[in-house]
Each structure stands twice: as C-alpha cells, then as structure tokens.
C-alpha cells in the first residue's frame, strides 16, 4: 500500500483500543500506525515530553495527537519536521475524522437571511425594543421585524425605526394596517411585511423592500400578479406563498413554495415558519432542520423566525446554525451529515464512545484511587483501582463511593453521575468533566464566531477552572479545601 502514513500518538491506557481501530482504518489510502509514547494518558502530556519521548516511524506524513492534548502543535511540527494535528476527543470518532480528511467544516458562509420578529413591539418602549433587537442579532438575525398588533396604536413607530437604524440594525415592519406600513416606509424601514396586489401602492412611498403575499389564502395566482407588477416597475421584493399550520393546509402550502420556485426560478422568496413551529407541540430543532432542508433545496433567500412560545425560544439560533451547515453540505454535494452537531439537541449519532468490554479492559489497568466515569450501552460505569460498578441511577452508585467526610468530592461525583445518567437516558455523548452538548438549543450567550467554531476545552483541573470563574465574579471568594483534583 502507498497511502498516507499517519502516526497515531497515544498512551498505554488507550493503546489496545487504538490498535484495533487502526486495523479497521487501514486501506490503500491510509496507513495508520499506533505509537505509544510511554505514558498512561497521552492527552496529559506536554510538548516537551513529546519531544523527549516520541520516536516517529520513518516516512510518516503526519502525526495525530489525542483530541484532549493541549500542547503546542506548531512546535511539534517544527521539531519533528512533519505536520502534527489534533484528532477527535473520543477514539470512537476517529473513523469520521479520517473520513472527512480531518478537516473542520467551514460554517462561516450561508445564503439565507434571517428575519426575527418582535411580535409585541407595540407594547415596548424604544429602549426595550432596541435591547430586544440586539439580543436577536446576537443570535444570528440579519433583520429585526417589528410586529404590529391589531387595534393597538404604535405612536413611537417612527422613533423606533430611527433608533434601530442608528444602532446598525436592518428593520422590517409587519402589519395588517396599510397606514402603519406606509408610515414605516416613509420612516426608512428596510422591509415591509406584507403587501398584496391590492396594497402595492404603499411600496411607492419609500425605499422599503416589500414582502409580497397572496391576496387571499392559498391564491398563488394573485401572488404571481403582484410579483409581475413589481417586476414591471423594476423594484425589488420578496415573495412569500405563506406556510400554513399542520392540518390546516400545511402540505398544500409546501407544494406552493415548490410550485413558485418552478414557475419563477430566479425569484427572491421568503418563508415564514411561525405557523408551524409556534403551533406544534414539538421541539423546534428538528422541525427547523426539515424546513431548512426545503429552504436549501429551493434556494429560498430569507426566513422569518418567530420566538413567541417558550418552546420556540431558540428558533433564530437554530436557523442560523442550520443555514450554515446546509450551505456547507450543499456546496460539498453532500447530505447534511458531518458538518457539526449544532442541530443534535436530544440525541447524538454516536452516543457511546466505548463499549462495556472496552471500559472493563481499561478499568483493569487503573492503579489509582481517582474515579473514572464512562457511559456504555449497558449503563454508567464508575471505576478506580478498588472496583468497577455499572448502574444508571446515581443513588445506586453513591453507597459504593468512598467520599465520607469529603464534601467537595461527593458533590463532584454527584454532578458527574447525574450528568452521565442524563446522557445515557437521552442517548447523548458523555465525557467526564465536560458539559453535555445540546447543540444550539443549549448554547449560552457568545459571539457567532465562537458558536460556530469546533473548539477544544482548555487543559487543567475541572475545579481549578471553576475557581477561576468564581474569582472573576467575586475576587474575594476563596476555594474550598475539599475540592478534589481533576478526575480524568
């Protein structure tokens, strides 16, 4: 064989499992060779230790370090004269790592704008609307839509539009009242939701781009006439055939989007998703993934996301992630698989990183008192040099843990075994000392760049990191003496 020669660097505890994986991965295109550095856990080594101990096989094309290794890869590459890369955090993910060439997907691009609606804008003051708009933009919204309520005055509409524009925000106004839409257009709104063939004159009162809708529910012909009228004027627009709720025309409305795209291959289209997400008692992540599939296939240019019901509160985040993953998949001519797990909220494709037999073999090699926790198809494994138990409920584990008089250690193990139970019952991937990953549905506030980066956890003890976090919040907070060392 003359494929790529790759050194898989490891320690003694993972060596046997890695050898089996390497045998499975071997092919004409890939020649993996396991290299034991001579320590138990390779992830805990420093670059200096690697430089002293590692002996690479001849003619290696690159070396793959464990995913939890935090040493300087560039330094190692210079020292050994071959590229060093960081592999996946779990051995079970190694086949997928090599299947995609070990390259992280590029999630920086998309071709679908997100309109995010503030449905109760008329009840908020200007400052409150600006604050809400900033939060929506932080989650991925490109345009903030001001929802006007029937029979409710919006005297501060113009002031609100001016404040949002001054804050760098693109603004749309959604109203069934033609007068409010006309006011919004004259005030400088960027978009108007929604105009039909009977209200197109409003578009002439300013530069706002209208979203066109059928004059009557399901009337695609009237929508086409409105589009023709705007085309004749040479003015831009977005067309929305309207997505209807399930059991009230949903399937027929899906067909309308496909038919509109067939009839007008180049027309700019918007899809509003609130009638489905808000009016269905189901987690929105999966619903939005399917809707994004339609949007991607039909090359729909914009989506209107609504977050009224509490169960829809991450809709904007979900669409932001979906538009990036699906764009990358479409560009690659691929199924939407292997482009990150941002939409995998309740299940993981590979929830178990190790089999029960592999964990049992590892447990036999442990020579210290620190507890390791792993999850297999049989349950939650807790083991150290003194024993190995399998259960699911943390209360079944606790009587066998030697933590009497050690409150910090007991707390730590309680948190970790409870987390492991949740992972086992849901089918999520568990890794000790790591928070469970619920995709974008579980993200906390962060920049979009961080949200779409497949980043690694910093090295160091779990409790040390928590102490540092507390110190930032309260500089005088002292660490408790009974916090244990890292259990990994």
Protein backbone atom coordinates (compact mmCIF):
# COMPACT_ATOMS: atom_id res chain seq x y z
CA UNK A 1 0.00 0.00 0.00
CA UNK A 2 1.18 3.54 -0.75
CA UNK A 3 -1.43 5.63 1.07
CA UNK A 4 -0.87 8.38 3.61
CA UNK A 5 1.26 7.22 6.52
CA UNK A 6 -0.17 8.55 9.78
CA UNK A 7 1.25 8.13 13.27
CA UNK A 8 -1.48 7.85 15.92
CA UNK A 9 0.19 9.02 19.13
CA UNK A 10 -1.22 7.57 22.33
CA UNK A 11 -0.55 6.38 25.87
CA UNK A 12 -0.73 2.88 27.29
CA UNK A 13 -4.33 3.05 28.58
CA UNK A 14 -5.78 3.68 25.12
CA UNK A 15 -3.24 1.73 23.08
CA UNK A 16 -5.13 -1.57 22.73
CA UNK A 17 -8.32 0.10 21.59
CA UNK A 18 -6.45 2.36 19.20
CA UNK A 19 -4.64 -0.59 17.63
CA UNK A 20 -7.99 -2.23 16.84
CA UNK A 21 -9.26 0.99 15.28
CA UNK A 22 -6.08 1.42 13.25
CA UNK A 23 -6.53 -2.06 11.80
CA UNK A 24 -10.07 -1.16 10.77
CA UNK A 25 -8.98 2.14 9.22
CA UNK A 26 -6.10 0.70 7.19
CA UNK A 27 -6.66 0.95 3.45
CA UNK A 28 -4.86 1.79 0.23
CA UNK A 29 -5.44 5.46 1.03
CA UNK A 30 -4.47 5.37 4.72
CA UNK A 31 -1.75 3.57 6.65
CA UNK A 32 -2.21 4.35 10.35
CA UNK A 33 0.43 3.25 12.84
CA UNK A 34 -0.03 3.47 16.61
CA UNK A 35 2.87 4.99 18.55
CA UNK A 36 2.91 4.66 22.35
CA UNK A 37 4.84 7.49 23.97
CA UNK A 38 5.37 5.51 27.16
CA UNK A 39 2.92 7.24 29.48
CA UNK A 40 -0.53 6.20 30.62
CA UNK A 41 -2.56 9.12 29.22
CA UNK A 42 -1.15 10.90 26.16
CA UNK A 43 -3.67 13.74 26.44
CA UNK A 44 -1.98 14.94 29.65
CA UNK A 45 1.49 15.20 28.13
CA UNK A 46 3.26 18.46 27.33
CA UNK A 47 5.07 19.30 24.11
CA UNK A 48 8.37 18.92 25.98
CA UNK A 49 7.54 15.34 27.00
CA UNK A 50 6.54 14.50 23.43
CA UNK A 51 9.81 15.90 22.10
CA UNK A 52 11.81 13.78 24.55
CA UNK A 53 9.93 10.51 24.28
CA UNK A 54 8.29 10.24 20.88
CA UNK A 55 10.03 8.26 18.19
CA UNK A 56 8.15 8.57 14.92
CA UNK A 57 8.24 5.75 12.35
CA UNK A 58 10.14 6.51 9.16
CA UNK A 59 8.47 8.35 6.28
CA UNK A 60 5.44 9.44 8.30
CA UNK A 61 3.29 12.02 6.51
CA UNK A 62 1.67 13.42 9.65
CA UNK A 63 1.07 12.70 13.32
CA UNK A 64 -2.32 12.78 15.02
CA UNK A 65 -2.44 13.69 18.70
CA UNK A 66 -5.37 12.85 21.03
CA UNK A 67 -8.17 15.39 20.93
CA UNK A 68 -7.61 16.40 24.55
CA UNK A 69 -3.89 17.04 24.07
CA UNK A 70 -3.28 20.74 24.73
CA UNK A 71 0.37 21.06 23.77
CA UNK A 72 1.79 23.31 21.06
CA UNK A 73 1.20 21.52 17.75
CA UNK A 74 3.20 24.02 15.72
CA UNK A 75 6.20 23.48 17.97
CA UNK A 76 5.96 19.72 17.50
CA UNK A 77 5.60 20.12 13.75
CA UNK A 78 8.80 22.18 13.64
CA UNK A 79 10.68 19.79 15.91
CA UNK A 80 9.81 16.59 14.05
CA UNK A 81 9.57 18.03 10.56
CA UNK A 82 6.08 16.63 9.86
CA UNK A 83 2.62 18.13 10.47
CA UNK A 84 1.08 17.47 13.88
CA UNK A 85 -2.72 17.73 14.12
CA UNK A 86 -5.22 17.29 16.90
CA UNK A 87 -7.60 14.39 16.42
CA UNK A 88 -11.09 13.86 17.86
CA UNK A 89 -11.62 13.82 21.62
CA UNK A 90 -13.07 10.31 21.53
CA UNK A 91 -11.49 7.29 19.86
CA UNK A 92 -14.91 6.30 18.54
CA UNK A 93 -14.87 9.41 16.35
CA UNK A 94 -11.58 8.58 14.64
CA UNK A 95 -13.18 6.94 11.56
CA UNK A 96 -15.28 10.05 10.95
CA UNK A 97 -12.20 12.21 11.46
CA UNK A 98 -10.35 10.46 8.67
CA UNK A 99 -13.48 10.16 6.57
CA UNK A 100 -13.59 13.93 6.19
CA UNK A 101 -9.84 14.24 5.94
CA UNK A 102 -9.59 15.57 9.47
CA UNK A 103 -10.78 18.99 8.29
CA UNK A 104 -13.31 21.00 10.26
CA UNK A 105 -16.30 22.11 8.17
CA UNK A 106 -16.39 25.77 7.16
CA UNK A 107 -19.53 27.19 8.75
CA UNK A 108 -18.73 30.82 8.04
CA UNK A 109 -20.95 31.10 4.96
CA UNK A 110 -24.65 30.97 4.15
CA UNK A 111 -27.07 32.37 1.58
CA UNK A 112 -30.28 32.82 3.58
CA UNK A 113 -31.15 35.96 5.57
CA UNK A 114 -32.94 35.63 8.91
CA UNK A 115 -35.77 38.00 9.81
CA UNK A 116 -36.52 37.77 13.54
CA UNK A 117 -39.82 39.19 14.73
CA UNK A 118 -40.54 41.11 17.91
CA UNK A 119 -44.24 40.29 17.93
CA UNK A 120 -45.17 42.62 20.79
CA UNK A 121 -43.16 45.64 19.67
CA UNK A 122 -46.12 47.98 20.13
CA UNK A 123 -46.15 47.22 23.89
CA UNK A 124 -42.46 48.04 24.39
CA UNK A 125 -40.77 51.40 24.62
CA UNK A 126 -37.99 52.35 22.21
CA UNK A 127 -35.16 51.33 24.55
CA UNK A 128 -36.82 47.98 25.23
CA UNK A 129 -37.15 47.28 21.51
CA UNK A 130 -33.51 48.20 20.85
CA UNK A 131 -32.41 45.88 23.66
CA UNK A 132 -34.53 43.02 22.29
CA UNK A 133 -33.20 43.66 18.79
CA UNK A 134 -29.60 43.45 19.96
CA UNK A 135 -30.30 40.08 21.57
CA UNK A 136 -31.85 38.74 18.36
CA UNK A 137 -28.95 40.00 16.25
CA UNK A 138 -26.50 38.34 18.65
CA UNK A 139 -28.28 35.03 17.96
CA UNK A 140 -27.97 35.41 14.20
CA UNK A 141 -30.78 37.68 12.98
CA UNK A 142 -29.97 39.84 9.97
CA UNK A 143 -33.21 41.85 10.03
CA UNK A 144 -35.34 42.66 13.09
CA UNK A 145 -39.06 42.68 12.32
CA UNK A 146 -41.38 44.91 14.33
CA UNK A 147 -44.70 43.15 14.84
CA UNK A 148 -47.68 45.49 14.97
CA UNK A 149 -50.72 44.31 16.91
CA UNK A 150 -54.31 44.69 15.68
CA UNK A 151 -56.25 47.60 17.17
CA UNK A 152 -53.15 48.72 19.08
CA UNK A 153 -51.60 52.11 18.46
CA UNK A 154 -47.89 52.32 17.65
CA UNK A 155 -47.22 56.06 18.15
CA UNK A 156 -43.47 55.52 18.56
CA UNK A 157 -43.07 53.54 15.32
CA UNK A 158 -41.01 56.21 13.58
CA UNK A 159 -38.84 56.82 16.64
CA UNK A 160 -38.26 53.08 16.99
CA UNK A 161 -37.19 52.67 13.36
CA UNK A 162 -34.79 55.61 13.69
CA UNK A 163 -33.28 54.21 16.91
CA UNK A 164 -32.78 50.75 15.42
CA UNK A 165 -31.16 52.11 12.27
CA UNK A 166 -28.88 54.31 14.39
CA UNK A 167 -27.90 51.13 16.27
CA UNK A 168 -26.84 49.49 13.00
CA UNK A 169 -29.93 47.32 12.63
CA UNK A 170 -31.89 46.48 9.49
CA UNK A 171 -35.60 46.90 10.19
CA UNK A 172 -38.79 45.42 8.81
CA UNK A 173 -42.32 46.21 9.92
CA UNK A 174 -45.07 43.61 9.93
CA UNK A 175 -48.61 44.95 9.98
CA UNK A 176 -52.06 44.28 8.56
CA UNK A 177 -52.72 48.02 8.75
CA UNK A 178 -51.85 49.79 5.46
CA UNK A 179 -51.40 53.10 7.28
CA UNK A 180 -48.75 51.61 9.59
CA UNK A 181 -46.92 50.11 6.63
CA UNK A 182 -46.98 53.45 4.82
CA UNK A 183 -45.63 55.20 7.93
CA UNK A 184 -42.88 52.59 8.23
CA UNK A 185 -41.88 53.06 4.60
CA UNK A 186 -41.68 56.82 4.92
CA UNK A 187 -39.68 56.43 8.17
CA UNK A 188 -36.95 54.46 6.44
CA UNK A 189 -37.75 50.81 7.21
CA UNK A 190 -35.81 48.37 5.06
CA UNK A 191 -38.66 45.89 4.53
CA UNK A 192 -42.46 45.79 4.77
CA UNK A 193 -44.46 42.69 5.72
CA UNK A 194 -46.74 42.25 3.92
CA UNK A 195 -48.17 43.69 0.69
CA UNK A 196 -50.60 42.06 -1.72
CA UNK A 197 -51.61 43.05 -5.23
CA UNK A 198 -54.21 45.37 -3.64
CA UNK A 199 -51.73 47.34 -1.49
CA UNK A 200 -48.72 47.62 -3.79
CA UNK A 201 -49.02 51.42 -3.92
CA UNK A 202 -47.52 51.55 -0.43
CA UNK A 203 -44.21 50.42 -1.93
CA UNK A 204 -44.04 53.69 -3.88
CA UNK A 205 -43.90 55.80 -0.71
CA UNK A 206 -40.32 54.90 0.20
CA UNK A 207 -37.39 52.61 -0.47
CA UNK A 208 -38.53 49.67 1.69
CA UNK A 209 -38.43 46.25 0.01
CA UNK A 210 -41.87 44.65 0.41
CA UNK A 211 -42.64 41.02 1.16
CA UNK A 212 -45.45 40.05 -1.17
CA UNK A 213 -48.20 37.62 -0.12
CA UNK A 214 -51.32 36.21 -1.78
CA UNK A 215 -54.36 38.49 -1.70
CA UNK A 216 -56.37 35.53 -0.36
CA UNK A 217 -55.13 32.39 1.46
CA UNK A 218 -53.60 29.90 -0.98
CA UNK A 219 -54.09 32.19 -4.00
CA UNK A 220 -50.78 31.69 -5.79
CA UNK A 221 -52.05 33.45 -8.93
CA UNK A 222 -52.57 36.71 -7.03
CA UNK A 223 -49.05 36.47 -5.67
CA UNK A 224 -47.70 35.99 -9.18
CA UNK A 225 -49.61 39.07 -10.36
CA UNK A 226 -48.12 41.15 -7.54
CA UNK A 227 -44.64 39.90 -8.47
CA UNK A 228 -45.24 40.80 -12.11
CA UNK A 229 -46.32 44.30 -11.11
CA UNK A 230 -43.14 44.84 -9.08
CA UNK A 231 -41.01 43.45 -11.90
CA UNK A 232 -42.66 45.87 -14.31
CA UNK A 233 -41.65 48.75 -12.04
CA UNK A 234 -38.14 47.37 -11.71
CA UNK A 235 -38.47 47.31 -7.92
CA UNK A 236 -37.09 44.61 -5.57
CA UNK A 237 -39.29 42.36 -3.42
CA UNK A 238 -39.51 39.04 -1.59
CA UNK A 239 -42.38 36.65 -2.28
CA UNK A 240 -44.00 34.55 0.47
CA UNK A 241 -46.70 31.99 -0.52
CA UNK A 242 -47.33 31.53 3.27
CA UNK A 243 -46.57 28.33 5.18
CA UNK A 244 -49.79 27.08 6.81
CA UNK A 245 -50.18 25.13 10.10
CA UNK A 246 -50.31 21.33 10.16
CA UNK A 247 -53.86 20.03 9.48
CA UNK A 248 -54.81 23.45 8.12
CA UNK A 249 -53.16 23.32 4.72
CA UNK A 250 -49.54 22.61 5.62
CA UNK A 251 -48.82 20.11 2.82
CA UNK A 252 -50.55 22.21 0.18
CA UNK A 253 -48.56 25.26 1.29
CA UNK A 254 -45.30 23.33 0.96
CA UNK A 255 -46.33 22.46 -2.59
CA UNK A 256 -46.96 26.18 -3.27
CA UNK A 257 -43.35 27.04 -2.41
CA UNK A 258 -42.09 24.35 -4.77
CA UNK A 259 -44.50 25.49 -7.49
CA UNK A 260 -43.46 29.12 -7.11
CA UNK A 261 -39.83 28.13 -7.50
CA UNK A 262 -40.69 26.06 -10.58
CA UNK A 263 -42.59 28.94 -12.15
CA UNK A 264 -40.08 31.63 -11.14
CA UNK A 265 -36.62 30.03 -10.91
CA UNK A 266 -34.88 33.30 -10.05
CA UNK A 267 -37.49 34.98 -7.86
CA UNK A 268 -36.45 36.02 -4.33
CA UNK A 269 -38.58 34.08 -1.81
CA UNK A 270 -39.13 34.35 1.96
CA UNK A 271 -40.60 31.62 4.16
CA UNK A 272 -42.26 32.44 7.48
CA UNK A 273 -42.05 29.46 9.82
CA UNK A 274 -44.11 30.58 12.83
CA UNK A 275 -47.32 28.86 11.74
CA UNK A 276 -45.55 25.51 12.04
CA UNK A 277 -43.11 25.94 14.93
CA UNK A 278 -45.34 28.03 17.18
CA UNK A 279 -48.45 25.92 16.56
CA UNK A 280 -46.91 22.47 17.00
CA UNK A 281 -46.08 20.87 20.35
CA UNK A 282 -42.69 19.51 19.32
CA UNK A 283 -39.08 20.56 19.81
CA UNK A 284 -38.23 23.14 17.18
CA UNK A 285 -34.71 21.92 16.38
CA UNK A 286 -35.91 19.02 14.26
CA UNK A 287 -38.75 20.99 12.70
CA UNK A 288 -36.43 23.79 11.69
CA UNK A 289 -33.89 21.32 10.33
CA UNK A 290 -36.55 19.95 7.95
CA UNK A 291 -37.76 23.42 6.99
CA UNK A 292 -34.17 24.46 6.33
CA UNK A 293 -33.87 21.46 4.04
CA UNK A 294 -36.72 22.84 1.94
CA UNK A 295 -35.21 26.31 2.05
CA UNK A 296 -31.83 25.00 0.92
CA UNK A 297 -33.20 22.85 -1.91
CA UNK A 298 -35.48 25.62 -3.22
CA UNK A 299 -32.80 28.29 -2.77
CA UNK A 300 -35.13 30.41 -0.67
CA UNK A 301 -33.36 33.64 0.19
CA UNK A 302 -34.90 34.54 3.56
CA UNK A 303 -36.73 33.06 6.53
CA UNK A 304 -38.92 34.80 9.11
CA UNK A 305 -38.38 33.23 12.54
CA UNK A 306 -40.69 33.80 15.48
CA UNK A 307 -39.89 33.15 19.15
CA UNK A 308 -43.16 33.76 20.97
CA UNK A 309 -43.85 30.44 22.67
CA UNK A 310 -41.19 29.44 25.22
CA UNK A 311 -40.61 26.17 23.36
CA UNK A 312 -39.56 28.23 20.30
CA UNK A 313 -37.09 30.44 22.13
CA UNK A 314 -34.04 29.19 20.21
CA UNK A 315 -35.56 29.34 16.71
CA UNK A 316 -33.22 32.09 15.49
CA UNK A 317 -30.15 30.24 16.76
CA UNK A 318 -31.36 27.04 15.16
CA UNK A 319 -31.87 28.63 11.77
CA UNK A 320 -28.54 30.41 11.98
CA UNK A 321 -26.80 27.10 12.57
CA UNK A 322 -28.93 25.24 10.02
CA UNK A 323 -28.32 27.74 7.22
CA UNK A 324 -24.56 27.37 7.70
CA UNK A 325 -24.49 23.57 7.94
CA UNK A 326 -26.82 23.13 4.97
CA UNK A 327 -24.92 25.62 2.84
CA UNK A 328 -21.67 23.77 3.51
CA UNK A 329 -23.34 20.43 2.75
CA UNK A 330 -24.90 21.70 -0.47
CA UNK A 331 -21.61 23.19 -1.64
CA UNK A 332 -19.96 19.83 -0.98
CA UNK A 333 -22.74 17.96 -2.81
CA UNK A 334 -23.32 16.09 0.43
CA UNK A 335 -26.04 15.01 2.79
CA UNK A 336 -26.30 17.29 5.85
CA UNK A 337 -24.16 14.90 7.91
CA UNK A 338 -20.71 15.51 9.31
CA UNK A 339 -20.98 19.30 9.36
CA UNK A 340 -21.06 19.72 13.12
CA UNK A 341 -23.68 18.72 15.66
CA UNK A 342 -25.35 22.07 16.24
CA UNK A 343 -28.79 20.64 15.45
CA UNK A 344 -28.37 17.46 17.51
CA UNK A 345 -30.13 18.62 20.65
CA UNK A 346 -31.58 15.48 22.26
CA UNK A 347 -29.69 12.66 20.54
CA UNK A 348 -26.17 12.06 19.28
CA UNK A 349 -25.39 9.99 16.23
CA UNK A 350 -22.76 8.11 18.24
CA UNK A 351 -23.81 8.40 21.88
CA UNK A 352 -21.40 5.72 23.16
CA UNK A 353 -17.67 6.31 22.85
CA UNK A 354 -16.65 2.96 24.35
CA UNK A 355 -18.23 -0.47 24.65
CA UNK A 356 -18.75 -2.08 28.04
CA UNK A 357 -15.98 -4.57 27.24
CA UNK A 358 -13.53 -1.79 26.35
CA UNK A 359 -14.31 0.05 29.58
CA UNK A 360 -13.85 -3.18 31.55
CA UNK A 361 -10.41 -3.65 29.99
CA UNK A 362 -9.49 -0.07 30.81
CA UNK A 363 -10.69 -0.45 34.40
CA UNK A 364 -8.29 -3.36 34.93
CA UNK A 365 -5.37 -1.05 34.14
CA UNK A 366 -6.25 1.68 36.63
CA UNK A 367 -3.82 1.89 39.56
CA UNK A 368 -5.00 4.99 41.44
CA UNK A 369 -7.99 5.99 43.60
CA UNK A 370 -9.39 8.65 41.24
CA UNK A 371 -12.81 7.70 39.93
CA UNK A 372 -13.35 7.47 36.18
CA UNK A 373 -16.85 7.72 34.79
CA UNK A 374 -17.89 6.49 31.36
CA UNK A 375 -21.14 5.54 29.65
CA UNK A 376 -21.68 2.42 27.55
CA UNK A 377 -24.73 0.70 26.10
CA UNK A 378 -25.08 -1.10 29.46
CA UNK A 379 -25.19 1.95 31.71
CA UNK A 380 -22.96 4.31 33.68
CA UNK A 381 -19.56 2.90 34.66
CA UNK A 382 -17.76 4.21 37.74
CA UNK A 383 -14.35 2.70 38.42
CA UNK A 384 -10.98 3.14 40.05
CA UNK A 385 -8.28 0.77 41.33
CA UNK A 386 -10.66 -0.55 44.01
CA UNK A 387 -13.56 -1.60 41.83
CA UNK A 388 -15.79 -1.20 38.80
CA UNK A 389 -19.57 -0.80 39.02
CA UNK A 390 -22.28 -0.37 36.40
CA UNK A 391 -25.59 1.30 37.19
CA UNK A 392 -27.72 4.13 35.83
CA UNK A 393 -29.19 5.91 38.85
CA UNK A 394 -26.59 7.96 40.81
CA UNK A 395 -28.25 6.77 44.01
CA UNK A 396 -27.21 3.22 43.12
CA UNK A 397 -23.60 4.32 42.75
CA UNK A 398 -23.31 6.52 45.81
CA UNK A 399 -23.18 3.84 48.57
CA UNK A 400 -20.11 2.37 46.89
CA UNK A 401 -18.16 5.63 46.56
CA UNK A 402 -15.62 6.31 49.28
CA UNK A 403 -16.31 10.00 49.84
CA UNK A 404 -17.22 10.12 53.53
CA UNK A 405 -16.02 13.40 55.01
CA UNK A 406 -15.10 14.79 51.57
CA UNK A 407 -17.95 17.11 50.63
CA UNK A 408 -16.25 18.52 47.55
CA UNK A 409 -15.53 15.09 46.13
CA UNK A 410 -19.06 13.89 46.89
CA UNK A 411 -20.51 16.94 45.17
CA UNK A 412 -18.30 16.42 42.14
CA UNK A 413 -19.22 12.74 41.77
CA UNK A 414 -22.90 13.54 42.27
CA UNK A 415 -22.81 16.07 39.46
CA UNK A 416 -20.92 13.76 37.13
CA UNK A 417 -23.01 10.63 37.74
CA UNK A 418 -26.22 12.64 37.30
CA UNK A 419 -24.87 14.08 34.07
CA UNK A 420 -23.93 10.59 32.91
CA UNK A 421 -27.43 9.32 33.70
CA UNK A 422 -28.98 12.07 31.58
CA UNK A 423 -26.63 11.21 28.73
CA UNK A 424 -27.46 7.50 28.97
CA UNK A 425 -31.23 8.02 29.03
CA UNK A 426 -31.28 10.56 26.18
CA UNK A 427 -28.62 8.97 24.01
CA UNK A 428 -26.13 11.83 24.34
CA UNK A 429 -22.35 11.56 24.33
CA UNK A 430 -20.87 11.81 27.82
CA UNK A 431 -17.31 12.84 28.62
CA UNK A 432 -16.18 13.25 32.22
CA UNK A 433 -15.67 16.89 33.27
CA UNK A 434 -17.45 18.12 30.14
CA UNK A 435 -20.90 19.69 29.99
CA UNK A 436 -23.40 17.75 27.90
CA UNK A 437 -23.74 19.25 24.44
CA UNK A 438 -27.31 20.07 23.39
CA UNK A 439 -26.38 21.82 20.16
CA UNK A 440 -27.51 25.40 19.67
CA UNK A 441 -30.54 24.68 21.88
CA UNK A 442 -28.21 24.62 24.89
CA UNK A 443 -25.81 27.41 23.93
CA UNK A 444 -25.20 30.28 26.26
CA UNK A 445 -24.58 33.83 25.06
CA UNK A 446 -21.44 34.04 22.96
CA UNK A 447 -20.23 35.51 19.71
CA UNK A 448 -21.34 33.92 16.46
CA UNK A 449 -17.72 33.16 15.69
CA UNK A 450 -17.43 31.11 18.88
CA UNK A 451 -20.80 29.45 18.35
CA UNK A 452 -19.72 28.04 15.00
CA UNK A 453 -16.18 27.14 15.98
CA UNK A 454 -15.43 23.49 16.74
CA UNK A 455 -13.21 24.45 19.66
CA UNK A 456 -11.42 22.45 22.32
CA UNK A 457 -11.65 22.60 26.09
CA UNK A 458 -8.72 24.21 27.87
CA UNK A 459 -6.37 21.95 29.74
CA UNK A 460 -6.43 21.87 33.52
CA UNK A 461 -8.34 20.60 36.50
CA UNK A 462 -12.10 20.96 36.45
CA UNK A 463 -12.34 22.54 39.88
CA UNK A 464 -9.43 24.85 39.13
CA UNK A 465 -11.37 26.27 36.21
CA UNK A 466 -14.46 26.72 38.37
CA UNK A 467 -12.38 28.52 40.99
CA UNK A 468 -11.03 30.88 38.33
CA UNK A 469 -14.56 31.59 37.10
CA UNK A 470 -15.69 32.38 40.65
CA UNK A 471 -12.67 34.59 41.22
CA UNK A 472 -13.66 36.74 38.24
CA UNK A 473 -17.16 37.16 39.61
CA UNK A 474 -16.08 37.64 43.25
CA UNK A 475 -12.35 38.32 43.73
CA UNK A 476 -12.54 37.65 47.46
CA UNK A 477 -14.08 34.19 47.02
CA UNK A 478 -11.80 31.50 48.38
CA UNK A 479 -11.57 27.93 47.12
CA UNK A 480 -12.84 25.34 49.49
CA UNK A 481 -10.14 22.98 50.78
CA UNK A 482 -12.07 19.81 50.00
CA UNK A 483 -12.23 20.27 46.22
CA UNK A 484 -10.56 17.23 44.65
CA UNK A 485 -8.04 17.15 41.87
CA UNK A 486 -9.21 16.59 38.30
CA UNK A 487 -10.75 13.14 37.98
CA UNK A 488 -9.76 12.47 34.39
